[in-house]
Amino acid sequence: MESFEEKLQRLEKLTVDIKKTDISLEDALKAFEEGIKLASGMEKELDKIEGKIQILMNEPEPMEKDNPPTLDLFSDDSEVNGTRR
């Protein structure tokens, strides 16, 4: 599996290749398609990383083996400050 940095280098190379004046339209299209797929996958990776960072930043205590990160995405919104709405 390629690392994020390797994918970024590939995307940069594709960008340079597309800008060449001697590239055929067919080759430019292939490079563009590959670049779009690569960029989309990288965006998903970044979204996952951002989610993990948000979880870690919102933890009240440093993460340890006995204190794994938790998600409050599915908490009961009908209860606020110990009282029901």
PDB file of N, CA and C in Angstrom:
ATOM      1  N   MET A   1       0.844  -1.186   0.000  1.00  0.00           N
ATOM      2  CA  MET A   1       0.000   0.000   0.000  1.00  0.00           C
ATOM      3  C   MET A   1       0.887   1.247   0.000  1.00  0.00           C
ATOM      4  N   GLU A   2       0.540   2.182  -0.820  1.00  0.00           N
ATOM      5  CA  GLU A   2       1.299   3.425  -0.908  1.00  0.00           C
ATOM      6  C   GLU A   2       0.987   4.318   0.289  1.00  0.00           C
ATOM      7  N   SER A   3       1.994   5.038   0.734  1.00  0.00           N
ATOM      8  CA  SER A   3       1.775   5.998   1.810  1.00  0.00           C
ATOM      9  C   SER A   3       1.121   7.251   1.232  1.00  0.00           C
ATOM     10  N   PHE A   4       0.621   8.088   2.110  1.00  0.00           N
ATOM     11  CA  PHE A   4      -0.015   9.329   1.678  1.00  0.00           C
ATOM     12  C   PHE A   4       0.994  10.186   0.910  1.00  0.00           C
ATOM     13  N   GLU A   5       2.226  10.209   1.389  1.00  0.00           N
ATOM     14  CA  GLU A   5       3.271  11.013   0.756  1.00  0.00           C
ATOM     15  C   GLU A   5       3.573  10.505  -0.659  1.00  0.00           C
ATOM     16  N   GLU A   6       3.575   9.176  -0.826  1.00  0.00           N
ATOM     17  CA  GLU A   6       3.814   8.603  -2.149  1.00  0.00           C
ATOM     18  C   GLU A   6       2.672   8.947  -3.107  1.00  0.00           C
ATOM     19  N   LYS A   7       1.464   8.921  -2.587  1.00  0.00           N
ATOM     20  CA  LYS A   7       0.305   9.289  -3.414  1.00  0.00           C
ATOM     21  C   LYS A   7       0.383  10.751  -3.822  1.00  0.00           C
ATOM     22  N   LEU A   8       0.811  11.602  -2.894  1.00  0.00           N
ATOM     23  CA  LEU A   8       0.942  13.026  -3.184  1.00  0.00           C
ATOM     24  C   LEU A   8       2.007  13.264  -4.257  1.00  0.00           C
ATOM     25  N   GLN A   9       3.123  12.551  -4.167  1.00  0.00           N
ATOM     26  CA  GLN A   9       4.171  12.670  -5.185  1.00  0.00           C
ATOM     27  C   GLN A   9       3.642  12.237  -6.558  1.00  0.00           C
ATOM     28  N   ARG A  10       2.866  11.164  -6.582  1.00  0.00           N
ATOM     29  CA  ARG A  10       2.291  10.686  -7.846  1.00  0.00           C
ATOM     30  C   ARG A  10       1.342  11.735  -8.430  1.00  0.00           C
ATOM     31  N   LEU A  11       0.529  12.329  -7.562  1.00  0.00           N
ATOM     32  CA  LEU A  11      -0.410  13.357  -8.010  1.00  0.00           C
ATOM     33  C   LEU A  11       0.342  14.564  -8.571  1.00  0.00           C
ATOM     34  N   GLU A  12       1.428  14.940  -7.927  1.00  0.00           N
ATOM     35  CA  GLU A  12       2.237  16.063  -8.416  1.00  0.00           C
ATOM     36  C   GLU A  12       2.852  15.734  -9.773  1.00  0.00           C
ATOM     37  N   LYS A  13       3.316  14.493  -9.951  1.00  0.00           N
ATOM     38  CA  LYS A  13       3.892  14.087 -11.235  1.00  0.00           C
ATOM     39  C   LYS A  13       2.831  14.121 -12.331  1.00  0.00           C
ATOM     40  N   LEU A  14       1.636  13.634 -12.015  1.00  0.00           N
ATOM     41  CA  LEU A  14       0.553  13.668 -12.995  1.00  0.00           C
ATOM     42  C   LEU A  14       0.240  15.100 -13.403  1.00  0.00           C
ATOM     43  N   THR A  15       0.260  16.002 -12.453  1.00  0.00           N
ATOM     44  CA  THR A  15      -0.011  17.419 -12.728  1.00  0.00           C
ATOM     45  C   THR A  15       1.033  17.989 -13.685  1.00  0.00           C
ATOM     46  N   VAL A  16       2.298  17.678 -13.430  1.00  0.00           N
ATOM     47  CA  VAL A  16       3.374  18.144 -14.302  1.00  0.00           C
ATOM     48  C   VAL A  16       3.213  17.558 -15.700  1.00  0.00           C
ATOM     49  N   ASP A  17       2.902  16.262 -15.763  1.00  0.00           N
ATOM     50  CA  ASP A  17       2.744  15.596 -17.063  1.00  0.00           C
ATOM     51  C   ASP A  17       1.626  16.228 -17.882  1.00  0.00           C
ATOM     52  N   ILE A  18       0.506  16.531 -17.247  1.00  0.00           N
ATOM     53  CA  ILE A  18      -0.644  17.101 -17.961  1.00  0.00           C
ATOM     54  C   ILE A  18      -0.302  18.474 -18.538  1.00  0.00           C
ATOM     55  N   LYS A  19       0.567  19.210 -17.850  1.00  0.00           N
ATOM     56  CA  LYS A  19       0.924  20.562 -18.297  1.00  0.00           C
ATOM     57  C   LYS A  19       1.916  20.579 -19.457  1.00  0.00           C
ATOM     58  N   LYS A  20       2.496  19.428 -19.784  1.00  0.00           N
ATOM     59  CA  LYS A  20       3.450  19.375 -20.891  1.00  0.00           C
ATOM     60  C   LYS A  20       2.742  19.675 -22.203  1.00  0.00           C
ATOM     61  N   THR A  21       3.435  20.384 -23.063  1.00  0.00           N
ATOM     62  CA  THR A  21       2.831  20.749 -24.349  1.00  0.00           C
ATOM     63  C   THR A  21       2.864  19.609 -25.357  1.00  0.00           C
ATOM     64  N   ASP A  22       3.732  18.614 -25.132  1.00  0.00           N
ATOM     65  CA  ASP A  22       3.846  17.536 -26.106  1.00  0.00           C
ATOM     66  C   ASP A  22       3.068  16.278 -25.710  1.00  0.00           C
ATOM     67  N   ILE A  23       2.194  16.387 -24.730  1.00  0.00           N
ATOM     68  CA  ILE A  23       1.402  15.224 -24.301  1.00  0.00           C
ATOM     69  C   ILE A  23       0.179  15.085 -25.216  1.00  0.00           C
ATOM     70  N   SER A  24      -0.141  13.849 -25.551  1.00  0.00           N
ATOM     71  CA  SER A  24      -1.322  13.628 -26.395  1.00  0.00           C
ATOM     72  C   SER A  24      -2.582  13.831 -25.558  1.00  0.00           C
ATOM     73  N   LEU A  25      -3.654  14.109 -26.239  1.00  0.00           N
ATOM     74  CA  LEU A  25      -4.932  14.312 -25.552  1.00  0.00           C
ATOM     75  C   LEU A  25      -5.338  13.049 -24.801  1.00  0.00           C
ATOM     76  N   GLU A  26      -5.109  11.898 -25.401  1.00  0.00           N
ATOM     77  CA  GLU A  26      -5.454  10.621 -24.766  1.00  0.00           C
ATOM     78  C   GLU A  26      -4.641  10.408 -23.481  1.00  0.00           C
ATOM     79  N   ASP A  27      -3.339  10.673 -23.542  1.00  0.00           N
ATOM     80  CA  ASP A  27      -2.488  10.512 -22.358  1.00  0.00           C
ATOM     81  C   ASP A  27      -2.852  11.527 -21.272  1.00  0.00           C
ATOM     82  N   ALA A  28      -3.185  12.734 -21.685  1.00  0.00           N
ATOM     83  CA  ALA A  28      -3.587  13.758 -20.721  1.00  0.00           C
ATOM     84  C   ALA A  28      -4.877  13.351 -20.015  1.00  0.00           C
ATOM     85  N   LEU A  29      -5.805  12.782 -20.776  1.00  0.00           N
ATOM     86  CA  LEU A  29      -7.069  12.340 -20.195  1.00  0.00           C
ATOM     87  C   LEU A  29      -6.841  11.199 -19.202  1.00  0.00           C
ATOM     88  N   LYS A  30      -5.978  10.253 -19.560  1.00  0.00           N
ATOM     89  CA  LYS A  30      -5.664   9.142 -18.650  1.00  0.00           C
ATOM     90  C   LYS A  30      -5.028   9.665 -17.361  1.00  0.00           C
ATOM     91  N   ALA A  31      -4.102  10.593 -17.499  1.00  0.00           N
ATOM     92  CA  ALA A  31      -3.444  11.171 -16.324  1.00  0.00           C
ATOM     93  C   ALA A  31      -4.448  11.937 -15.464  1.00  0.00           C
ATOM     94  N   PHE A  32      -5.348  12.652 -16.132  1.00  0.00           N
ATOM     95  CA  PHE A  32      -6.374  13.411 -15.408  1.00  0.00           C
ATOM     96  C   PHE A  32      -7.289  12.478 -14.625  1.00  0.00           C
ATOM     97  N   GLU A  33      -7.738  11.395 -15.266  1.00  0.00           N
ATOM     98  CA  GLU A  33      -8.611  10.422 -14.592  1.00  0.00           C
ATOM     99  C   GLU A  33      -7.909   9.796 -13.387  1.00  0.00           C
ATOM    100  N   GLU A  34      -6.653   9.415 -13.572  1.00  0.00           N
ATOM    101  CA  GLU A  34      -5.897   8.838 -12.460  1.00  0.00           C
ATOM    102  C   GLU A  34      -5.749   9.858 -11.328  1.00  0.00           C
ATOM    103  N   GLY A  35      -5.485  11.088 -11.693  1.00  0.00           N
ATOM    104  CA  GLY A  35      -5.327  12.149 -10.692  1.00  0.00           C
ATOM    105  C   GLY A  35      -6.603  12.394  -9.900  1.00  0.00           C
ATOM    106  N   ILE A  36      -7.736  12.373 -10.575  1.00  0.00           N
ATOM    107  CA  ILE A  36      -9.024  12.579  -9.909  1.00  0.00           C
ATOM    108  C   ILE A  36      -9.287  11.450  -8.915  1.00  0.00           C
ATOM    109  N   LYS A  37      -9.053  10.213  -9.327  1.00  0.00           N
ATOM    110  CA  LYS A  37      -9.255   9.066  -8.432  1.00  0.00           C
ATOM    111  C   LYS A  37      -8.313   9.142  -7.237  1.00  0.00           C
ATOM    112  N   LEU A  38      -7.072   9.491  -7.506  1.00  0.00           N
ATOM    113  CA  LEU A  38      -6.075   9.594  -6.449  1.00  0.00           C
ATOM    114  C   LEU A  38      -6.447  10.692  -5.454  1.00  0.00           C
ATOM    115  N   ALA A  39      -6.829  11.848  -5.970  1.00  0.00           N
ATOM    116  CA  ALA A  39      -7.199  12.974  -5.111  1.00  0.00           C
ATOM    117  C   ALA A  39      -8.422  12.642  -4.258  1.00  0.00           C
ATOM    118  N   SER A  40      -9.383  11.951  -4.835  1.00  0.00           N
ATOM    119  CA  SER A  40     -10.586  11.568  -4.100  1.00  0.00           C
ATOM    120  C   SER A  40     -10.244  10.631  -2.937  1.00  0.00           C
ATOM    121  N   GLY A  41      -9.404   9.642  -3.211  1.00  0.00           N
ATOM    122  CA  GLY A  41      -8.986   8.720  -2.159  1.00  0.00           C
ATOM    123  C   GLY A  41      -8.201   9.420  -1.062  1.00  0.00           C
ATOM    124  N   MET A  42      -7.355  10.365  -1.459  1.00  0.00           N
ATOM    125  CA  MET A  42      -6.558  11.112  -0.480  1.00  0.00           C
ATOM    126  C   MET A  42      -7.458  11.997   0.383  1.00  0.00           C
ATOM    127  N   GLU A  43      -8.492  12.558  -0.224  1.00  0.00           N
ATOM    128  CA  GLU A  43      -9.432  13.391   0.522  1.00  0.00           C
ATOM    129  C   GLU A  43     -10.141  12.561   1.598  1.00  0.00           C
ATOM    130  N   LYS A  44     -10.515  11.335   1.259  1.00  0.00           N
ATOM    131  CA  LYS A  44     -11.150  10.445   2.231  1.00  0.00           C
ATOM    132  C   LYS A  44     -10.195  10.123   3.379  1.00  0.00           C
ATOM    133  N   GLU A  45      -8.920   9.877   3.036  1.00  0.00           N
ATOM    134  CA  GLU A  45      -7.920   9.617   4.071  1.00  0.00           C
ATOM    135  C   GLU A  45      -7.783  10.807   5.013  1.00  0.00           C
ATOM    136  N   LEU A  46      -7.742  12.005   4.442  1.00  0.00           N
ATOM    137  CA  LEU A  46      -7.627  13.216   5.262  1.00  0.00           C
ATOM    138  C   LEU A  46      -8.846  13.404   6.165  1.00  0.00           C
ATOM    139  N   ASP A  47     -10.025  13.087   5.655  1.00  0.00           N
ATOM    140  CA  ASP A  47     -11.237  13.187   6.463  1.00  0.00           C
ATOM    141  C   ASP A  47     -11.175  12.245   7.660  1.00  0.00           C
ATOM    142  N   LYS A  48     -10.673  11.023   7.446  1.00  0.00           N
ATOM    143  CA  LYS A  48     -10.534  10.062   8.544  1.00  0.00           C
ATOM    144  C   LYS A  48      -9.542  10.575   9.584  1.00  0.00           C
ATOM    145  N   ILE A  49      -8.433  11.101   9.104  1.00  0.00           N
ATOM    146  CA  ILE A  49      -7.411  11.625  10.013  1.00  0.00           C
ATOM    147  C   ILE A  49      -7.969  12.800  10.803  1.00  0.00           C
ATOM    148  N   GLU A  50      -8.693  13.679  10.138  1.00  0.00           N
ATOM    149  CA  GLU A  50      -9.287  14.835  10.819  1.00  0.00           C
ATOM    150  C   GLU A  50     -10.267  14.383  11.899  1.00  0.00           C
ATOM    151  N   GLY A  51     -11.048  13.354  11.600  1.00  0.00           N
ATOM    152  CA  GLY A  51     -11.983  12.813  12.590  1.00  0.00           C
ATOM    153  C   GLY A  51     -11.256  12.279  13.810  1.00  0.00           C
ATOM    154  N   LYS A  52     -10.167  11.558  13.591  1.00  0.00           N
ATOM    155  CA  LYS A  52      -9.390  11.031  14.711  1.00  0.00           C
ATOM    156  C   LYS A  52      -8.805  12.157  15.551  1.00  0.00           C
ATOM    157  N   ILE A  53      -8.313  13.196  14.881  1.00  0.00           N
ATOM    158  CA  ILE A  53      -7.741  14.340  15.607  1.00  0.00           C
ATOM    159  C   ILE A  53      -8.811  15.023  16.443  1.00  0.00           C
ATOM    160  N   GLN A  54     -10.014  15.192  15.870  1.00  0.00           N
ATOM    161  CA  GLN A  54     -11.104  15.821  16.617  1.00  0.00           C
ATOM    162  C   GLN A  54     -11.446  15.016  17.865  1.00  0.00           C
ATOM    163  N   ILE A  55     -11.482  13.704  17.746  1.00  0.00           N
ATOM    164  CA  ILE A  55     -11.775  12.843  18.891  1.00  0.00           C
ATOM    165  C   ILE A  55     -10.710  13.027  19.966  1.00  0.00           C
ATOM    166  N   LEU A  56      -9.452  12.994  19.541  1.00  0.00           N
ATOM    167  CA  LEU A  56      -8.359  13.119  20.500  1.00  0.00           C
ATOM    168  C   LEU A  56      -8.331  14.500  21.160  1.00  0.00           C
ATOM    169  N   MET A  57      -8.643  15.526  20.394  1.00  0.00           N
ATOM    170  CA  MET A  57      -8.630  16.893  20.941  1.00  0.00           C
ATOM    171  C   MET A  57      -9.761  17.114  21.945  1.00  0.00           C
ATOM    172  N   ASN A  58     -10.840  16.365  21.830  1.00  0.00           N
ATOM    173  CA  ASN A  58     -11.988  16.546  22.713  1.00  0.00           C
ATOM    174  C   ASN A  58     -11.955  15.649  23.939  1.00  0.00           C
ATOM    175  N   GLU A  59     -10.934  14.806  24.072  1.00  0.00           N
ATOM    176  CA  GLU A  59     -10.818  13.930  25.235  1.00  0.00           C
ATOM    177  C   GLU A  59     -10.412  14.755  26.451  1.00  0.00           C
ATOM    178  N   PRO A  60     -11.102  14.568  27.587  1.00  0.00           N
ATOM    179  CA  PRO A  60     -10.768  15.323  28.787  1.00  0.00           C
ATOM    180  C   PRO A  60      -9.423  14.912  29.396  1.00  0.00           C
ATOM    181  N   GLU A  61      -9.025  13.657  29.210  1.00  0.00           N
ATOM    182  CA  GLU A  61      -7.762  13.167  29.750  1.00  0.00           C
ATOM    183  C   GLU A  61      -6.935  12.593  28.612  1.00  0.00           C
ATOM    184  N   PRO A  62      -5.611  12.559  28.787  1.00  0.00           N
ATOM    185  CA  PRO A  62      -4.789  11.966  27.735  1.00  0.00           C
ATOM    186  C   PRO A  62      -5.190  10.519  27.480  1.00  0.00           C
ATOM    187  N   MET A  63      -5.095  10.108  26.235  1.00  0.00           N
ATOM    188  CA  MET A  63      -5.488   8.759  25.866  1.00  0.00           C
ATOM    189  C   MET A  63      -4.457   7.761  26.393  1.00  0.00           C
ATOM    190  N   GLU A  64      -4.938   6.725  27.051  1.00  0.00           N
ATOM    191  CA  GLU A  64      -4.103   5.648  27.550  1.00  0.00           C
ATOM    192  C   GLU A  64      -4.840   4.351  27.272  1.00  0.00           C
ATOM    193  N   LYS A  65      -4.197   3.223  27.595  1.00  0.00           N
ATOM    194  CA  LYS A  65      -4.832   1.936  27.345  1.00  0.00           C
ATOM    195  C   LYS A  65      -6.172   1.825  28.067  1.00  0.00           C
ATOM    196  N   ASP A  66      -6.235   2.336  29.302  1.00  0.00           N
ATOM    197  CA  ASP A  66      -7.469   2.224  30.071  1.00  0.00           C
ATOM    198  C   ASP A  66      -8.408   3.408  29.849  1.00  0.00           C
ATOM    199  N   ASN A  67      -8.057   4.327  28.948  1.00  0.00           N
ATOM    200  CA  ASN A  67      -8.897   5.484  28.639  1.00  0.00           C
ATOM    201  C   ASN A  67      -8.966   5.671  27.121  1.00  0.00           C
ATOM    202  N   PRO A  68      -9.624   4.728  26.389  1.00  0.00           N
ATOM    203  CA  PRO A  68      -9.702   4.863  24.927  1.00  0.00           C
ATOM    204  C   PRO A  68     -10.617   6.027  24.549  1.00  0.00           C
ATOM    205  N   PRO A  69     -10.430   6.604  23.351  1.00  0.00           N
ATOM    206  CA  PRO A  69     -11.309   7.697  22.919  1.00  0.00           C
ATOM    207  C   PRO A  69     -12.744   7.205  22.769  1.00  0.00           C
ATOM    208  N   THR A  70     -13.693   8.086  23.054  1.00  0.00           N
ATOM    209  CA  THR A  70     -15.102   7.741  22.928  1.00  0.00           C
ATOM    210  C   THR A  70     -15.773   8.697  21.950  1.00  0.00           C
ATOM    211  N   LEU A  71     -16.862   8.248  21.385  1.00  0.00           N
ATOM    212  CA  LEU A  71     -17.641   9.086  20.476  1.00  0.00           C
ATOM    213  C   LEU A  71     -18.974   9.407  21.127  1.00  0.00           C
ATOM    214  N   ASP A  72     -19.330  10.679  21.130  1.00  0.00           N
ATOM    215  CA  ASP A  72     -20.612  11.094  21.681  1.00  0.00           C
ATOM    216  C   ASP A  72     -21.630  11.315  20.571  1.00  0.00           C
ATOM    217  N   LEU A  73     -21.418  10.683  19.437  1.00  0.00           N
ATOM    218  CA  LEU A  73     -22.310  10.897  18.297  1.00  0.00           C
ATOM    219  C   LEU A  73     -23.719  10.390  18.537  1.00  0.00           C
ATOM    220  N   PHE A  74     -23.862   9.366  19.367  1.00  0.00           N
ATOM    221  CA  PHE A  74     -25.156   8.746  19.555  1.00  0.00           C
ATOM    222  C   PHE A  74     -25.696   8.960  20.959  1.00  0.00           C
ATOM    223  N   SER A  75     -25.311  10.076  21.583  1.00  0.00           N
ATOM    224  CA  SER A  75     -25.804  10.355  22.926  1.00  0.00           C
ATOM    225  C   SER A  75     -27.266  10.767  22.859  1.00  0.00           C
ATOM    226  N   ASP A  76     -27.963  10.620  23.965  1.00  0.00           N
ATOM    227  CA  ASP A  76     -29.379  10.949  24.048  1.00  0.00           C
ATOM    228  C   ASP A  76     -29.527  12.456  24.220  1.00  0.00           C
ATOM    229  N   ASP A  77     -29.967  13.155  23.161  1.00  0.00           N
ATOM    230  CA  ASP A  77     -30.122  14.613  23.209  1.00  0.00           C
ATOM    231  C   ASP A  77     -31.304  15.056  24.047  1.00  0.00           C
ATOM    232  N   SER A  78     -32.157  14.118  24.436  1.00  0.00           N
ATOM    233  CA  SER A  78     -33.345  14.512  25.189  1.00  0.00           C
ATOM    234  C   SER A  78     -33.002  14.772  26.655  1.00  0.00           C
ATOM    235  N   GLU A  79     -31.801  14.441  27.059  1.00  0.00           N
ATOM    236  CA  GLU A  79     -31.409  14.681  28.439  1.00  0.00           C
ATOM    237  C   GLU A  79     -30.302  15.729  28.471  1.00  0.00           C
ATOM    238  N   VAL A  80     -30.539  16.832  29.169  1.00  0.00           N
ATOM    239  CA  VAL A  80     -29.562  17.902  29.284  1.00  0.00           C
ATOM    240  C   VAL A  80     -29.375  18.200  30.760  1.00  0.00           C
ATOM    241  N   ASN A  81     -28.143  18.203  31.233  1.00  0.00           N
ATOM    242  CA  ASN A  81     -27.814  18.476  32.633  1.00  0.00           C
ATOM    243  C   ASN A  81     -28.601  17.592  33.586  1.00  0.00           C
ATOM    244  N   GLY A  82     -28.785  16.345  33.235  1.00  0.00           N
ATOM    245  CA  GLY A  82     -29.447  15.405  34.125  1.00  0.00           C
ATOM    246  C   GLY A  82     -30.957  15.506  34.150  1.00  0.00           C
ATOM    247  N   THR A  83     -31.552  16.360  33.348  1.00  0.00           N
ATOM    248  CA  THR A  83     -33.014  16.510  33.312  1.00  0.00           C
ATOM    249  C   THR A  83     -33.530  16.174  31.935  1.00  0.00           C
ATOM    250  N   ARG A  84     -34.710  15.620  31.874  1.00  0.00           N
ATOM    251  CA  ARG A  84     -35.330  15.304  30.596  1.00  0.00           C
ATOM    252  C   ARG A  84     -36.031  16.531  30.034  1.00  0.00           C
ATOM    253  N   ARG A  85     -36.033  16.642  28.722  1.00  0.00           N
ATOM    254  CA  ARG A  85     -36.766  17.743  28.071  1.00  0.00           C
ATOM    255  C   ARG A  85     -38.196  17.360  27.845  1.00  0.00           C
TER     256      ARG A  85
END
